[in-house]
Amino acid sequence: MDWRFLLICVIVFLLLFFIQVIVRAKNPIKRMLISMTKGVATLFAVNIIGIFTGVTLPISLLSLAIAAVIGIPGVTAMLILNAFL
């Protein structure tokens, strides 16, 4: 199985999950902004902690977009994919 296909499937699944969470939220815009902030903050925290652990993620437009759109699960998925690839 091609790793890009697996990555696309994971991203689509996480996006659908994120959309479902937003639809059920009482304040979807506020919740979305908080989730985006948490995702980007987590990406930066991983890189700061990476000084001690040696585990870092490159900060690029793609990684920032994944962290902002998907949030913490997106950063976790990038860490898992980084460990296996």
Protein backbone atom coordinates (compact mmCIF):
# COMPACT_ATOMS: atom_id res chain seq x y z
CA MET A 1 0.00 0.00 0.00
CA ASP A 2 1.28 3.40 -0.91
CA TRP A 3 2.01 5.62 2.12
CA ARG A 4 0.48 8.65 0.40
CA PHE A 5 -2.84 6.82 0.08
CA LEU A 6 -2.73 5.98 3.78
CA LEU A 7 -1.91 9.59 4.65
CA ILE A 8 -4.81 10.86 2.55
CA CYS A 9 -7.20 8.40 4.22
CA VAL A 10 -6.08 9.49 7.69
CA ILE A 11 -6.42 13.18 6.83
CA VAL A 12 -9.89 12.69 5.34
CA PHE A 13 -11.00 10.72 8.40
CA LEU A 14 -9.71 13.40 10.76
CA LEU A 15 -11.32 16.19 8.73
CA LEU A 16 -14.69 14.42 8.79
CA PHE A 17 -14.35 13.92 12.53
CA PHE A 18 -13.47 17.59 12.96
CA ILE A 19 -16.51 18.66 10.92
CA GLN A 20 -18.75 16.45 13.03
CA VAL A 21 -17.41 18.03 16.22
CA ILE A 22 -17.99 21.54 14.85
CA VAL A 23 -21.58 20.77 13.85
CA ARG A 24 -22.41 19.52 17.33
CA ALA A 25 -20.73 22.45 19.09
CA LYS A 26 -22.74 25.24 20.66
CA ASN A 27 -20.31 27.94 19.47
CA PRO A 28 -18.67 26.46 16.35
CA ILE A 29 -16.55 29.51 15.43
CA LYS A 30 -15.17 29.93 18.94
CA ARG A 31 -14.52 26.20 19.23
CA MET A 32 -12.80 26.15 15.83
CA LEU A 33 -10.51 29.04 16.74
CA ILE A 34 -9.60 27.41 20.04
CA SER A 35 -8.85 24.12 18.26
CA MET A 36 -6.69 25.89 15.69
CA THR A 37 -4.77 27.70 18.41
CA LYS A 38 -4.23 24.48 20.35
CA GLY A 39 -2.98 22.68 17.24
CA VAL A 40 -0.47 25.35 16.29
CA ALA A 41 0.66 25.71 19.92
CA THR A 42 1.14 21.95 20.11
CA LEU A 43 3.27 22.01 16.95
CA PHE A 44 5.52 24.67 18.45
CA ALA A 45 5.60 22.85 21.80
CA VAL A 46 6.74 19.65 20.08
CA ASN A 47 9.60 21.55 18.49
CA ILE A 48 10.59 23.25 21.74
CA ILE A 49 10.52 19.94 23.64
CA GLY A 50 12.37 18.40 20.69
CA ILE A 51 15.51 20.14 21.92
CA PHE A 52 15.53 17.66 24.82
CA THR A 53 13.93 14.61 23.16
CA GLY A 54 15.31 14.85 19.64
CA VAL A 55 11.80 14.51 18.15
CA THR A 56 10.90 17.51 16.01
CA LEU A 57 8.55 18.35 13.17
CA PRO A 58 9.49 20.77 10.43
CA ILE A 59 7.50 23.98 10.55
CA SER A 60 6.28 24.51 7.02
CA LEU A 61 3.12 25.73 5.40
CA LEU A 62 1.81 22.16 5.19
CA SER A 63 2.53 21.30 8.82
CA LEU A 64 0.99 24.58 10.01
CA ALA A 65 -2.10 23.93 7.89
CA ILE A 66 -2.49 20.41 9.27
CA ALA A 67 -2.01 21.66 12.83
CA ALA A 68 -4.53 24.47 12.30
CA VAL A 69 -7.20 22.47 10.48
CA ILE A 70 -7.04 19.19 12.37
CA GLY A 71 -5.58 20.42 15.66
CA ILE A 72 -3.85 18.20 18.20
CA PRO A 73 -4.85 14.94 16.42
CA GLY A 74 -3.15 16.31 13.29
CA VAL A 75 0.08 16.99 15.15
CA THR A 76 -0.12 13.53 16.70
CA ALA A 77 -0.62 11.98 13.25
CA MET A 78 2.38 13.88 11.91
CA LEU A 79 4.49 12.61 14.83
CA ILE A 80 3.41 9.03 14.20
CA LEU A 81 4.09 9.32 10.47
CA ASN A 82 7.46 10.94 11.21
CA ALA A 83 8.38 8.01 13.47
CA PHE A 84 7.51 5.37 10.88
CA LEU A 85 8.75 7.08 7.72
